Amino acid sequence: MNKRIQQSLKTLKTFVDLLQNNRAAFSETAWQNLPKLYQEIAPMPDDSAVEAARAINAWCREQKHVPLRDALESAATRKEVEDIKPTDPEQERTIKENVLLVKNTLQNAINPATPASGQP
């Protein structure tokens, strides 16, 4: 797996982790602007890890929220991504899984599922 794809996967995994486990990294404005990011990423092909990571990084810069940008950069440098050879069919699967995970996590963050009535 080349370095650019590897770094992109780190960005995707880190962003998902922040959305799921560190919502405090997002300002209220950033949270309200998640639909804009989703609209940009949703139509991307599922094998577009580099483009999705670029969109996330650009969106984070636009938010001008230093804790979010710092959290993304700091966590991405620590995040491990399995090195898969470019000729390995697993590479395409891994890329698609991560792009889909970002899309689904963004969609869930924007429109959280509400429990059915009568459910706790």
PDB file of N, CA and C in Angstrom:
ATOM      1  N   MET A   1       0.871  -1.164   0.000  1.00  0.00           N
ATOM      2  CA  MET A   1       0.000   0.000   0.000  1.00  0.00           C
ATOM      3  C   MET A   1       0.914   1.222   0.000  1.00  0.00           C
ATOM      4  N   ASN A   2       0.638   2.158  -0.904  1.00  0.00           N
ATOM      5  CA  ASN A   2       1.524   3.309  -0.942  1.00  0.00           C
ATOM      6  C   ASN A   2       1.244   4.256   0.220  1.00  0.00           C
ATOM      7  N   LYS A   3       2.215   5.122   0.483  1.00  0.00           N
ATOM      8  CA  LYS A   3       2.153   6.019   1.651  1.00  0.00           C
ATOM      9  C   LYS A   3       0.933   6.937   1.611  1.00  0.00           C
ATOM     10  N   ARG A   4       0.566   7.415   0.443  1.00  0.00           N
ATOM     11  CA  ARG A   4      -0.570   8.338   0.323  1.00  0.00           C
ATOM     12  C   ARG A   4      -1.874   7.648   0.717  1.00  0.00           C
ATOM     13  N   ILE A   5      -2.061   6.436   0.254  1.00  0.00           N
ATOM     14  CA  ILE A   5      -3.267   5.679   0.620  1.00  0.00           C
ATOM     15  C   ILE A   5      -3.230   5.344   2.105  1.00  0.00           C
ATOM     16  N   GLN A   6      -2.072   4.962   2.596  1.00  0.00           N
ATOM     17  CA  GLN A   6      -1.932   4.616   4.004  1.00  0.00           C
ATOM     18  C   GLN A   6      -2.272   5.816   4.889  1.00  0.00           C
ATOM     19  N   GLN A   7      -1.750   7.000   4.550  1.00  0.00           N
ATOM     20  CA  GLN A   7      -2.046   8.205   5.328  1.00  0.00           C
ATOM     21  C   GLN A   7      -3.525   8.562   5.217  1.00  0.00           C
ATOM     22  N   SER A   8      -4.108   8.363   4.057  1.00  0.00           N
ATOM     23  CA  SER A   8      -5.530   8.643   3.868  1.00  0.00           C
ATOM     24  C   SER A   8      -6.394   7.741   4.745  1.00  0.00           C
ATOM     25  N   LEU A   9      -6.031   6.461   4.813  1.00  0.00           N
ATOM     26  CA  LEU A   9      -6.772   5.533   5.666  1.00  0.00           C
ATOM     27  C   LEU A   9      -6.639   5.916   7.134  1.00  0.00           C
ATOM     28  N   LYS A  10      -5.467   6.387   7.534  1.00  0.00           N
ATOM     29  CA  LYS A  10      -5.286   6.859   8.907  1.00  0.00           C
ATOM     30  C   LYS A  10      -6.231   8.027   9.191  1.00  0.00           C
ATOM     31  N   THR A  11      -6.323   8.956   8.239  1.00  0.00           N
ATOM     32  CA  THR A  11      -7.206  10.110   8.410  1.00  0.00           C
ATOM     33  C   THR A  11      -8.649   9.653   8.529  1.00  0.00           C
ATOM     34  N   LEU A  12      -9.075   8.739   7.665  1.00  0.00           N
ATOM     35  CA  LEU A  12     -10.459   8.253   7.692  1.00  0.00           C
ATOM     36  C   LEU A  12     -10.762   7.567   9.016  1.00  0.00           C
ATOM     37  N   LYS A  13      -9.882   6.665   9.441  1.00  0.00           N
ATOM     38  CA  LYS A  13     -10.109   5.928  10.689  1.00  0.00           C
ATOM     39  C   LYS A  13     -10.114   6.873  11.888  1.00  0.00           C
ATOM     40  N   THR A  14      -9.223   7.848  11.878  1.00  0.00           N
ATOM     41  CA  THR A  14      -9.146   8.800  12.980  1.00  0.00           C
ATOM     42  C   THR A  14     -10.397   9.655  13.043  1.00  0.00           C
ATOM     43  N   PHE A  15     -10.875  10.111  11.900  1.00  0.00           N
ATOM     44  CA  PHE A  15     -12.070  10.946  11.873  1.00  0.00           C
ATOM     45  C   PHE A  15     -13.279  10.171  12.391  1.00  0.00           C
ATOM     46  N   VAL A  16     -13.418   8.932  11.987  1.00  0.00           N
ATOM     47  CA  VAL A  16     -14.514   8.091  12.478  1.00  0.00           C
ATOM     48  C   VAL A  16     -14.397   7.933  13.986  1.00  0.00           C
ATOM     49  N   ASP A  17     -13.188   7.687  14.463  1.00  0.00           N
ATOM     50  CA  ASP A  17     -12.976   7.529  15.904  1.00  0.00           C
ATOM     51  C   ASP A  17     -13.366   8.809  16.658  1.00  0.00           C
ATOM     52  N   LEU A  18     -12.999   9.961  16.120  1.00  0.00           N
ATOM     53  CA  LEU A  18     -13.369  11.226  16.766  1.00  0.00           C
ATOM     54  C   LEU A  18     -14.884  11.411  16.775  1.00  0.00           C
ATOM     55  N   LEU A  19     -15.535  11.104  15.673  1.00  0.00           N
ATOM     56  CA  LEU A  19     -16.996  11.237  15.617  1.00  0.00           C
ATOM     57  C   LEU A  19     -17.684  10.324  16.622  1.00  0.00           C
ATOM     58  N   GLN A  20     -17.174   9.118  16.755  1.00  0.00           N
ATOM     59  CA  GLN A  20     -17.820   8.144  17.618  1.00  0.00           C
ATOM     60  C   GLN A  20     -17.440   8.287  19.091  1.00  0.00           C
ATOM     61  N   ASN A  21     -16.206   8.699  19.375  1.00  0.00           N
ATOM     62  CA  ASN A  21     -15.699   8.625  20.740  1.00  0.00           C
ATOM     63  C   ASN A  21     -15.200   9.930  21.348  1.00  0.00           C
ATOM     64  N   ASN A  22     -15.121  10.994  20.564  1.00  0.00           N
ATOM     65  CA  ASN A  22     -14.589  12.243  21.094  1.00  0.00           C
ATOM     66  C   ASN A  22     -15.345  13.429  20.499  1.00  0.00           C
ATOM     67  N   ARG A  23     -16.628  13.440  20.712  1.00  0.00           N
ATOM     68  CA  ARG A  23     -17.443  14.517  20.153  1.00  0.00           C
ATOM     69  C   ARG A  23     -17.044  15.878  20.696  1.00  0.00           C
ATOM     70  N   ALA A  24     -16.371  15.908  21.841  1.00  0.00           N
ATOM     71  CA  ALA A  24     -15.926  17.184  22.407  1.00  0.00           C
ATOM     72  C   ALA A  24     -14.884  17.857  21.517  1.00  0.00           C
ATOM     73  N   ALA A  25     -14.259  17.097  20.624  1.00  0.00           N
ATOM     74  CA  ALA A  25     -13.285  17.691  19.707  1.00  0.00           C
ATOM     75  C   ALA A  25     -13.964  18.595  18.679  1.00  0.00           C
ATOM     76  N   PHE A  26     -15.275  18.442  18.522  1.00  0.00           N
ATOM     77  CA  PHE A  26     -16.030  19.217  17.537  1.00  0.00           C
ATOM     78  C   PHE A  26     -16.705  20.406  18.217  1.00  0.00           C
ATOM     79  N   SER A  27     -16.525  21.582  17.633  1.00  0.00           N
ATOM     80  CA  SER A  27     -17.263  22.743  18.131  1.00  0.00           C
ATOM     81  C   SER A  27     -18.726  22.592  17.721  1.00  0.00           C
ATOM     82  N   GLU A  28     -19.580  23.390  18.302  1.00  0.00           N
ATOM     83  CA  GLU A  28     -20.996  23.346  17.923  1.00  0.00           C
ATOM     84  C   GLU A  28     -21.160  23.684  16.444  1.00  0.00           C
ATOM     85  N   THR A  29     -20.388  24.662  15.977  1.00  0.00           N
ATOM     86  CA  THR A  29     -20.455  25.060  14.569  1.00  0.00           C
ATOM     87  C   THR A  29     -19.981  23.924  13.669  1.00  0.00           C
ATOM     88  N   ALA A  30     -18.895  23.276  14.053  1.00  0.00           N
ATOM     89  CA  ALA A  30     -18.390  22.148  13.258  1.00  0.00           C
ATOM     90  C   ALA A  30     -19.442  21.054  13.182  1.00  0.00           C
ATOM     91  N   TRP A  31     -20.086  20.787  14.316  1.00  0.00           N
ATOM     92  CA  TRP A  31     -21.124  19.753  14.350  1.00  0.00           C
ATOM     93  C   TRP A  31     -22.262  20.113  13.395  1.00  0.00           C
ATOM     94  N   GLN A  32     -22.637  21.383  13.385  1.00  0.00           N
ATOM     95  CA  GLN A  32     -23.716  21.844  12.510  1.00  0.00           C
ATOM     96  C   GLN A  32     -23.309  21.799  11.034  1.00  0.00           C
ATOM     97  N   ASN A  33     -21.996  21.843  10.784  1.00  0.00           N
ATOM     98  CA  ASN A  33     -21.500  21.820   9.406  1.00  0.00           C
ATOM     99  C   ASN A  33     -21.187  20.417   8.889  1.00  0.00           C
ATOM    100  N   LEU A  34     -21.435  19.402   9.695  1.00  0.00           N
ATOM    101  CA  LEU A  34     -21.202  18.025   9.230  1.00  0.00           C
ATOM    102  C   LEU A  34     -21.988  17.684   7.961  1.00  0.00           C
ATOM    103  N   PRO A  35     -23.232  18.163   7.805  1.00  0.00           N
ATOM    104  CA  PRO A  35     -23.946  17.842   6.567  1.00  0.00           C
ATOM    105  C   PRO A  35     -23.217  18.296   5.303  1.00  0.00           C
ATOM    106  N   LYS A  36     -22.503  19.410   5.375  1.00  0.00           N
ATOM    107  CA  LYS A  36     -21.741  19.884   4.217  1.00  0.00           C
ATOM    108  C   LYS A  36     -20.660  18.867   3.846  1.00  0.00           C
ATOM    109  N   LEU A  37     -19.967  18.357   4.861  1.00  0.00           N
ATOM    110  CA  LEU A  37     -18.939  17.348   4.609  1.00  0.00           C
ATOM    111  C   LEU A  37     -19.568  16.079   4.049  1.00  0.00           C
ATOM    112  N   TYR A  38     -20.681  15.673   4.621  1.00  0.00           N
ATOM    113  CA  TYR A  38     -21.356  14.468   4.137  1.00  0.00           C
ATOM    114  C   TYR A  38     -21.772  14.634   2.669  1.00  0.00           C
ATOM    115  N   GLN A  39     -22.301  15.801   2.322  1.00  0.00           N
ATOM    116  CA  GLN A  39     -22.720  16.045   0.935  1.00  0.00           C
ATOM    117  C   GLN A  39     -21.546  15.965  -0.032  1.00  0.00           C
ATOM    118  N   GLU A  40     -20.374  16.303   0.446  1.00  0.00           N
ATOM    119  CA  GLU A  40     -19.192  16.221  -0.408  1.00  0.00           C
ATOM    120  C   GLU A  40     -18.689  14.784  -0.547  1.00  0.00           C
ATOM    121  N   ILE A  41     -18.727  14.036   0.552  1.00  0.00           N
ATOM    122  CA  ILE A  41     -18.173  12.674   0.547  1.00  0.00           C
ATOM    123  C   ILE A  41     -19.162  11.634   0.027  1.00  0.00           C
ATOM    124  N   ALA A  42     -20.438  11.802   0.305  1.00  0.00           N
ATOM    125  CA  ALA A  42     -21.441  10.783  -0.051  1.00  0.00           C
ATOM    126  C   ALA A  42     -21.397  10.350  -1.522  1.00  0.00           C
ATOM    127  N   PRO A  43     -21.283  11.273  -2.476  1.00  0.00           N
ATOM    128  CA  PRO A  43     -21.288  10.817  -3.871  1.00  0.00           C
ATOM    129  C   PRO A  43     -19.957  10.241  -4.360  1.00  0.00           C
ATOM    130  N   MET A  44     -18.925  10.306  -3.548  1.00  0.00           N
ATOM    131  CA  MET A  44     -17.620   9.779  -3.971  1.00  0.00           C
ATOM    132  C   MET A  44     -17.692   8.265  -4.126  1.00  0.00           C
ATOM    133  N   PRO A  45     -16.947   7.729  -5.082  1.00  0.00           N
ATOM    134  CA  PRO A  45     -16.877   6.267  -5.208  1.00  0.00           C
ATOM    135  C   PRO A  45     -16.309   5.678  -3.917  1.00  0.00           C
ATOM    136  N   ASP A  46     -16.682   4.458  -3.614  1.00  0.00           N
ATOM    137  CA  ASP A  46     -16.262   3.823  -2.370  1.00  0.00           C
ATOM    138  C   ASP A  46     -14.771   3.501  -2.326  1.00  0.00           C
ATOM    139  N   ASP A  47     -14.076   3.662  -3.447  1.00  0.00           N
ATOM    140  CA  ASP A  47     -12.631   3.406  -3.450  1.00  0.00           C
ATOM    141  C   ASP A  47     -11.822   4.703  -3.445  1.00  0.00           C
ATOM    142  N   SER A  48     -12.452   5.802  -3.034  1.00  0.00           N
ATOM    143  CA  SER A  48     -11.810   7.116  -3.101  1.00  0.00           C
ATOM    144  C   SER A  48     -11.278   7.569  -1.744  1.00  0.00           C
ATOM    145  N   ALA A  49     -10.429   6.763  -1.137  1.00  0.00           N
ATOM    146  CA  ALA A  49      -9.895   7.081   0.189  1.00  0.00           C
ATOM    147  C   ALA A  49      -9.105   8.384   0.192  1.00  0.00           C
ATOM    148  N   VAL A  50      -8.285   8.605  -0.807  1.00  0.00           N
ATOM    149  CA  VAL A  50      -7.459   9.811  -0.853  1.00  0.00           C
ATOM    150  C   VAL A  50      -8.345  11.045  -0.970  1.00  0.00           C
ATOM    151  N   GLU A  51      -9.338  10.991  -1.839  1.00  0.00           N
ATOM    152  CA  GLU A  51     -10.235  12.130  -2.029  1.00  0.00           C
ATOM    153  C   GLU A  51     -11.070  12.390  -0.774  1.00  0.00           C
ATOM    154  N   ALA A  52     -11.539  11.330  -0.126  1.00  0.00           N
ATOM    155  CA  ALA A  52     -12.327  11.490   1.101  1.00  0.00           C
ATOM    156  C   ALA A  52     -11.466  12.088   2.213  1.00  0.00           C
ATOM    157  N   ALA A  53     -10.235  11.647   2.334  1.00  0.00           N
ATOM    158  CA  ALA A  53      -9.327  12.195   3.353  1.00  0.00           C
ATOM    159  C   ALA A  53      -9.036  13.665   3.071  1.00  0.00           C
ATOM    160  N   ARG A  54      -8.845  14.003   1.798  1.00  0.00           N
ATOM    161  CA  ARG A  54      -8.634  15.411   1.438  1.00  0.00           C
ATOM    162  C   ARG A  54      -9.832  16.253   1.827  1.00  0.00           C
ATOM    163  N   ALA A  55     -11.023  15.739   1.564  1.00  0.00           N
ATOM    164  CA  ALA A  55     -12.246  16.472   1.898  1.00  0.00           C
ATOM    165  C   ALA A  55     -12.357  16.677   3.408  1.00  0.00           C
ATOM    166  N   ILE A  56     -12.020  15.663   4.178  1.00  0.00           N
ATOM    167  CA  ILE A  56     -12.065  15.769   5.640  1.00  0.00           C
ATOM    168  C   ILE A  56     -11.065  16.812   6.125  1.00  0.00           C
ATOM    169  N   ASN A  57      -9.845  16.747   5.606  1.00  0.00           N
ATOM    170  CA  ASN A  57      -8.822  17.713   6.019  1.00  0.00           C
ATOM    171  C   ASN A  57      -9.213  19.140   5.644  1.00  0.00           C
ATOM    172  N   ALA A  58      -9.746  19.329   4.451  1.00  0.00           N
ATOM    173  CA  ALA A  58     -10.177  20.666   4.023  1.00  0.00           C
ATOM    174  C   ALA A  58     -11.328  21.160   4.900  1.00  0.00           C
ATOM    175  N   TRP A  59     -12.268  20.280   5.188  1.00  0.00           N
ATOM    176  CA  TRP A  59     -13.415  20.644   6.035  1.00  0.00           C
ATOM    177  C   TRP A  59     -12.933  21.043   7.430  1.00  0.00           C
ATOM    178  N   CYS A  60     -11.995  20.291   7.976  1.00  0.00           N
ATOM    179  CA  CYS A  60     -11.455  20.624   9.300  1.00  0.00           C
ATOM    180  C   CYS A  60     -10.781  21.994   9.285  1.00  0.00           C
ATOM    181  N   ARG A  61     -10.027  22.287   8.231  1.00  0.00           N
ATOM    182  CA  ARG A  61      -9.397  23.614   8.134  1.00  0.00           C
ATOM    183  C   ARG A  61     -10.456  24.708   8.053  1.00  0.00           C
ATOM    184  N   GLU A  62     -11.524  24.468   7.297  1.00  0.00           N
ATOM    185  CA  GLU A  62     -12.612  25.450   7.162  1.00  0.00           C
ATOM    186  C   GLU A  62     -13.285  25.745   8.502  1.00  0.00           C
ATOM    187  N   GLN A  63     -13.319  24.773   9.383  1.00  0.00           N
ATOM    188  CA  GLN A  63     -14.007  24.956  10.664  1.00  0.00           C
ATOM    189  C   GLN A  63     -13.246  25.907  11.583  1.00  0.00           C
ATOM    190  N   LYS A  64     -11.962  26.076  11.310  1.00  0.00           N
ATOM    191  CA  LYS A  64     -11.116  26.958  12.130  1.00  0.00           C
ATOM    192  C   LYS A  64     -11.249  26.627  13.618  1.00  0.00           C
ATOM    193  N   HIS A  65     -11.428  25.362  13.900  1.00  0.00           N
ATOM    194  CA  HIS A  65     -11.552  24.902  15.283  1.00  0.00           C
ATOM    195  C   HIS A  65     -10.290  24.113  15.596  1.00  0.00           C
ATOM    196  N   VAL A  66      -9.345  24.770  16.240  1.00  0.00           N
ATOM    197  CA  VAL A  66      -8.021  24.198  16.474  1.00  0.00           C
ATOM    198  C   VAL A  66      -8.069  22.850  17.199  1.00  0.00           C
ATOM    199  N   PRO A  67      -8.892  22.672  18.246  1.00  0.00           N
ATOM    200  CA  PRO A  67      -8.900  21.357  18.912  1.00  0.00           C
ATOM    201  C   PRO A  67      -9.260  20.204  17.965  1.00  0.00           C
ATOM    202  N   LEU A  68     -10.169  20.433  17.030  1.00  0.00           N
ATOM    203  CA  LEU A  68     -10.538  19.382  16.081  1.00  0.00           C
ATOM    204  C   LEU A  68      -9.369  19.073  15.161  1.00  0.00           C
ATOM    205  N   ARG A  69      -8.776  20.104  14.591  1.00  0.00           N
ATOM    206  CA  ARG A  69      -7.646  19.904  13.679  1.00  0.00           C
ATOM    207  C   ARG A  69      -6.495  19.216  14.407  1.00  0.00           C
ATOM    208  N   ASP A  70      -6.194  19.690  15.618  1.00  0.00           N
ATOM    209  CA  ASP A  70      -5.098  19.088  16.385  1.00  0.00           C
ATOM    210  C   ASP A  70      -5.396  17.639  16.752  1.00  0.00           C
ATOM    211  N   ALA A  71      -6.633  17.362  17.146  1.00  0.00           N
ATOM    212  CA  ALA A  71      -7.018  15.996  17.500  1.00  0.00           C
ATOM    213  C   ALA A  71      -6.875  15.073  16.298  1.00  0.00           C
ATOM    214  N   LEU A  72      -7.293  15.546  15.134  1.00  0.00           N
ATOM    215  CA  LEU A  72      -7.198  14.732  13.916  1.00  0.00           C
ATOM    216  C   LEU A  72      -5.738  14.475  13.565  1.00  0.00           C
ATOM    217  N   GLU A  73      -4.925  15.513  13.574  1.00  0.00           N
ATOM    218  CA  GLU A  73      -3.516  15.356  13.211  1.00  0.00           C
ATOM    219  C   GLU A  73      -2.765  14.489  14.218  1.00  0.00           C
ATOM    220  N   SER A  74      -3.009  14.724  15.495  1.00  0.00           N
ATOM    221  CA  SER A  74      -2.319  13.980  16.538  1.00  0.00           C
ATOM    222  C   SER A  74      -2.684  12.499  16.506  1.00  0.00           C
ATOM    223  N   ALA A  75      -3.962  12.216  16.422  1.00  0.00           N
ATOM    224  CA  ALA A  75      -4.406  10.822  16.414  1.00  0.00           C
ATOM    225  C   ALA A  75      -3.978  10.111  15.140  1.00  0.00           C
ATOM    226  N   ALA A  76      -3.995  10.819  14.016  1.00  0.00           N
ATOM    227  CA  ALA A  76      -3.616  10.195  12.747  1.00  0.00           C
ATOM    228  C   ALA A  76      -2.149   9.786  12.742  1.00  0.00           C
ATOM    229  N   THR A  77      -1.315  10.522  13.452  1.00  0.00           N
ATOM    230  CA  THR A  77       0.100  10.139  13.489  1.00  0.00           C
ATOM    231  C   THR A  77       0.311   8.885  14.323  1.00  0.00           C
ATOM    232  N   ARG A  78      -0.578   8.631  15.281  1.00  0.00           N
ATOM    233  CA  ARG A  78      -0.460   7.446  16.133  1.00  0.00           C
ATOM    234  C   ARG A  78      -1.203   6.242  15.578  1.00  0.00           C
ATOM    235  N   LYS A  79      -2.204   6.462  14.761  1.00  0.00           N
ATOM    236  CA  LYS A  79      -3.058   5.383  14.260  1.00  0.00           C
ATOM    237  C   LYS A  79      -2.242   4.443  13.367  1.00  0.00           C
ATOM    238  N   GLU A  80      -2.397   3.173  13.605  1.00  0.00           N
ATOM    239  CA  GLU A  80      -1.718   2.161  12.795  1.00  0.00           C
ATOM    240  C   GLU A  80      -2.659   1.667  11.697  1.00  0.00           C
ATOM    241  N   VAL A  81      -2.095   1.496  10.529  1.00  0.00           N
ATOM    242  CA  VAL A  81      -2.846   0.945   9.407  1.00  0.00           C
ATOM    243  C   VAL A  81      -2.028  -0.213   8.866  1.00  0.00           C
ATOM    244  N   GLU A  82      -2.683  -1.332   8.745  1.00  0.00           N
ATOM    245  CA  GLU A  82      -2.012  -2.522   8.240  1.00  0.00           C
ATOM    246  C   GLU A  82      -1.459  -2.246   6.842  1.00  0.00           C
ATOM    247  N   ASP A  83      -0.202  -2.609   6.639  1.00  0.00           N
ATOM    248  CA  ASP A  83       0.415  -2.414   5.333  1.00  0.00           C
ATOM    249  C   ASP A  83       0.029  -3.573   4.422  1.00  0.00           C
ATOM    250  N   ILE A  84      -0.689  -3.258   3.374  1.00  0.00           N
ATOM    251  CA  ILE A  84      -1.147  -4.267   2.423  1.00  0.00           C
ATOM    252  C   ILE A  84      -0.500  -3.965   1.078  1.00  0.00           C
ATOM    253  N   LYS A  85       0.035  -4.970   0.436  1.00  0.00           N
ATOM    254  CA  LYS A  85       0.677  -4.764  -0.863  1.00  0.00           C
ATOM    255  C   LYS A  85      -0.354  -4.297  -1.894  1.00  0.00           C
ATOM    256  N   PRO A  86       0.052  -3.357  -2.781  1.00  0.00           N
ATOM    257  CA  PRO A  86      -0.877  -2.831  -3.790  1.00  0.00           C
ATOM    258  C   PRO A  86      -1.493  -3.903  -4.682  1.00  0.00           C
ATOM    259  N   THR A  87      -0.805  -5.025  -4.843  1.00  0.00           N
ATOM    260  CA  THR A  87      -1.331  -6.088  -5.692  1.00  0.00           C
ATOM    261  C   THR A  87      -2.272  -7.018  -4.944  1.00  0.00           C
ATOM    262  N   ASP A  88      -2.353  -6.847  -3.640  1.00  0.00           N
ATOM    263  CA  ASP A  88      -3.202  -7.698  -2.807  1.00  0.00           C
ATOM    264  C   ASP A  88      -4.666  -7.278  -2.970  1.00  0.00           C
ATOM    265  N   PRO A  89      -5.561  -8.225  -3.261  1.00  0.00           N
ATOM    266  CA  PRO A  89      -6.986  -7.872  -3.400  1.00  0.00           C
ATOM    267  C   PRO A  89      -7.577  -7.296  -2.117  1.00  0.00           C
ATOM    268  N   GLU A  90      -6.918  -7.539  -0.983  1.00  0.00           N
ATOM    269  CA  GLU A  90      -7.393  -6.995   0.287  1.00  0.00           C
ATOM    270  C   GLU A  90      -7.311  -5.468   0.315  1.00  0.00           C
ATOM    271  N   GLN A  91      -6.390  -4.888  -0.465  1.00  0.00           N
ATOM    272  CA  GLN A  91      -6.237  -3.435  -0.449  1.00  0.00           C
ATOM    273  C   GLN A  91      -7.528  -2.747  -0.882  1.00  0.00           C
ATOM    274  N   GLU A  92      -8.105  -3.197  -1.967  1.00  0.00           N
ATOM    275  CA  GLU A  92      -9.335  -2.580  -2.455  1.00  0.00           C
ATOM    276  C   GLU A  92     -10.464  -2.740  -1.436  1.00  0.00           C
ATOM    277  N   ARG A  93     -10.562  -3.905  -0.840  1.00  0.00           N
ATOM    278  CA  ARG A  93     -11.600  -4.144   0.164  1.00  0.00           C
ATOM    279  C   ARG A  93     -11.413  -3.225   1.367  1.00  0.00           C
ATOM    280  N   THR A  94     -10.173  -3.102   1.831  1.00  0.00           N
ATOM    281  CA  THR A  94      -9.870  -2.255   2.985  1.00  0.00           C
ATOM    282  C   THR A  94     -10.222  -0.801   2.698  1.00  0.00           C
ATOM    283  N   ILE A  95      -9.872  -0.324   1.533  1.00  0.00           N
ATOM    284  CA  ILE A  95     -10.174   1.062   1.159  1.00  0.00           C
ATOM    285  C   ILE A  95     -11.675   1.279   1.127  1.00  0.00           C
ATOM    286  N   LYS A  96     -12.392   0.394   0.446  1.00  0.00           N
ATOM    287  CA  LYS A  96     -13.851   0.545   0.342  1.00  0.00           C
ATOM    288  C   LYS A  96     -14.523   0.498   1.712  1.00  0.00           C
ATOM    289  N   GLU A  97     -14.083  -0.422   2.561  1.00  0.00           N
ATOM    290  CA  GLU A  97     -14.672  -0.534   3.903  1.00  0.00           C
ATOM    291  C   GLU A  97     -14.517   0.770   4.682  1.00  0.00           C
ATOM    292  N   ASN A  98     -13.353   1.389   4.579  1.00  0.00           N
ATOM    293  CA  ASN A  98     -13.094   2.608   5.336  1.00  0.00           C
ATOM    294  C   ASN A  98     -13.847   3.813   4.785  1.00  0.00           C
ATOM    295  N   VAL A  99     -13.961   3.924   3.477  1.00  0.00           N
ATOM    296  CA  VAL A  99     -14.735   5.025   2.896  1.00  0.00           C
ATOM    297  C   VAL A  99     -16.210   4.858   3.257  1.00  0.00           C
ATOM    298  N   LEU A 100     -16.720   3.645   3.171  1.00  0.00           N
ATOM    299  CA  LEU A 100     -18.112   3.390   3.563  1.00  0.00           C
ATOM    300  C   LEU A 100     -18.335   3.667   5.047  1.00  0.00           C
ATOM    301  N   LEU A 101     -17.360   3.327   5.880  1.00  0.00           N
ATOM    302  CA  LEU A 101     -17.464   3.581   7.307  1.00  0.00           C
ATOM    303  C   LEU A 101     -17.570   5.081   7.585  1.00  0.00           C
ATOM    304  N   VAL A 102     -16.778   5.890   6.883  1.00  0.00           N
ATOM    305  CA  VAL A 102     -16.862   7.341   7.047  1.00  0.00           C
ATOM    306  C   VAL A 102     -18.237   7.839   6.625  1.00  0.00           C
ATOM    307  N   LYS A 103     -18.723   7.387   5.489  1.00  0.00           N
ATOM    308  CA  LYS A 103     -20.041   7.816   5.006  1.00  0.00           C
ATOM    309  C   LYS A 103     -21.130   7.458   6.013  1.00  0.00           C
ATOM    310  N   ASN A 104     -21.110   6.218   6.479  1.00  0.00           N
ATOM    311  CA  ASN A 104     -22.143   5.766   7.424  1.00  0.00           C
ATOM    312  C   ASN A 104     -22.047   6.484   8.764  1.00  0.00           C
ATOM    313  N   THR A 105     -20.841   6.692   9.243  1.00  0.00           N
ATOM    314  CA  THR A 105     -20.663   7.367  10.531  1.00  0.00           C
ATOM    315  C   THR A 105     -21.106   8.816  10.443  1.00  0.00           C
ATOM    316  N   LEU A 106     -20.772   9.478   9.346  1.00  0.00           N
ATOM    317  CA  LEU A 106     -21.238  10.854   9.150  1.00  0.00           C
ATOM    318  C   LEU A 106     -22.761  10.906   9.110  1.00  0.00           C
ATOM    319  N   GLN A 107     -23.353  10.005   8.349  1.00  0.00           N
ATOM    320  CA  GLN A 107     -24.813   9.976   8.241  1.00  0.00           C
ATOM    321  C   GLN A 107     -25.451   9.737   9.605  1.00  0.00           C
ATOM    322  N   ASN A 108     -24.891   8.834  10.391  1.00  0.00           N
ATOM    323  CA  ASN A 108     -25.431   8.561  11.727  1.00  0.00           C
ATOM    324  C   ASN A 108     -25.231   9.734  12.671  1.00  0.00           C
ATOM    325  N   ALA A 109     -24.139  10.456  12.525  1.00  0.00           N
ATOM    326  CA  ALA A 109     -23.892  11.618  13.384  1.00  0.00           C
ATOM    327  C   ALA A 109     -24.878  12.743  13.055  1.00  0.00           C
ATOM    328  N   ILE A 110     -25.211  12.869  11.782  1.00  0.00           N
ATOM    329  CA  ILE A 110     -26.129  13.927  11.352  1.00  0.00           C
ATOM    330  C   ILE A 110     -27.562  13.563  11.699  1.00  0.00           C
ATOM    331  N   ASN A 111     -27.930  12.312  11.461  1.00  0.00           N
ATOM    332  CA  ASN A 111     -29.291  11.831  11.710  1.00  0.00           C
ATOM    333  C   ASN A 111     -29.245  10.628  12.637  1.00  0.00           C
ATOM    334  N   PRO A 112     -29.003  10.857  13.930  1.00  0.00           N
ATOM    335  CA  PRO A 112     -28.920   9.701  14.833  1.00  0.00           C
ATOM    336  C   PRO A 112     -30.237   8.927  14.860  1.00  0.00           C
ATOM    337  N   ALA A 113     -30.099   7.635  14.955  1.00  0.00           N
ATOM    338  CA  ALA A 113     -31.282   6.788  15.026  1.00  0.00           C
ATOM    339  C   ALA A 113     -32.020   7.080  16.335  1.00  0.00           C
ATOM    340  N   THR A 114     -33.309   7.169  16.255  1.00  0.00           N
ATOM    341  CA  THR A 114     -34.089   7.397  17.463  1.00  0.00           C
ATOM    342  C   THR A 114     -34.747   6.085  17.845  1.00  0.00           C
ATOM    343  N   PRO A 115     -34.771   5.776  19.123  1.00  0.00           N
ATOM    344  CA  PRO A 115     -35.389   4.514  19.532  1.00  0.00           C
ATOM    345  C   PRO A 115     -36.890   4.545  19.232  1.00  0.00           C
ATOM    346  N   ALA A 116     -37.418   3.378  18.945  1.00  0.00           N
ATOM    347  CA  ALA A 116     -38.869   3.271  18.687  1.00  0.00           C
ATOM    348  C   ALA A 116     -39.619   3.671  19.938  1.00  0.00           C
ATOM    349  N   SER A 117     -40.823   4.192  19.758  1.00  0.00           N
ATOM    350  CA  SER A 117     -41.597   4.624  20.908  1.00  0.00           C
ATOM    351  C   SER A 117     -41.817   3.451  21.848  1.00  0.00           C
ATOM    352  N   GLY A 118     -41.730   3.772  23.146  1.00  0.00           N
ATOM    353  CA  GLY A 118     -41.881   2.723  24.149  1.00  0.00           C
ATOM    354  C   GLY A 118     -40.573   2.037  24.487  1.00  0.00           C
ATOM    355  N   GLN A 119     -39.533   2.309  23.688  1.00  0.00           N
ATOM    356  CA  GLN A 119     -38.208   1.730  23.945  1.00  0.00           C
ATOM    357  C   GLN A 119     -37.415   2.706  24.799  1.00  0.00           C
ATOM    358  N   PRO A 120     -36.554   2.215  25.676  1.00  0.00           N
ATOM    359  CA  PRO A 120     -35.727   3.114  26.503  1.00  0.00           C
ATOM    360  C   PRO A 120     -34.663   3.806  25.681  1.00  0.00           C
TER     361      PRO A 120
END
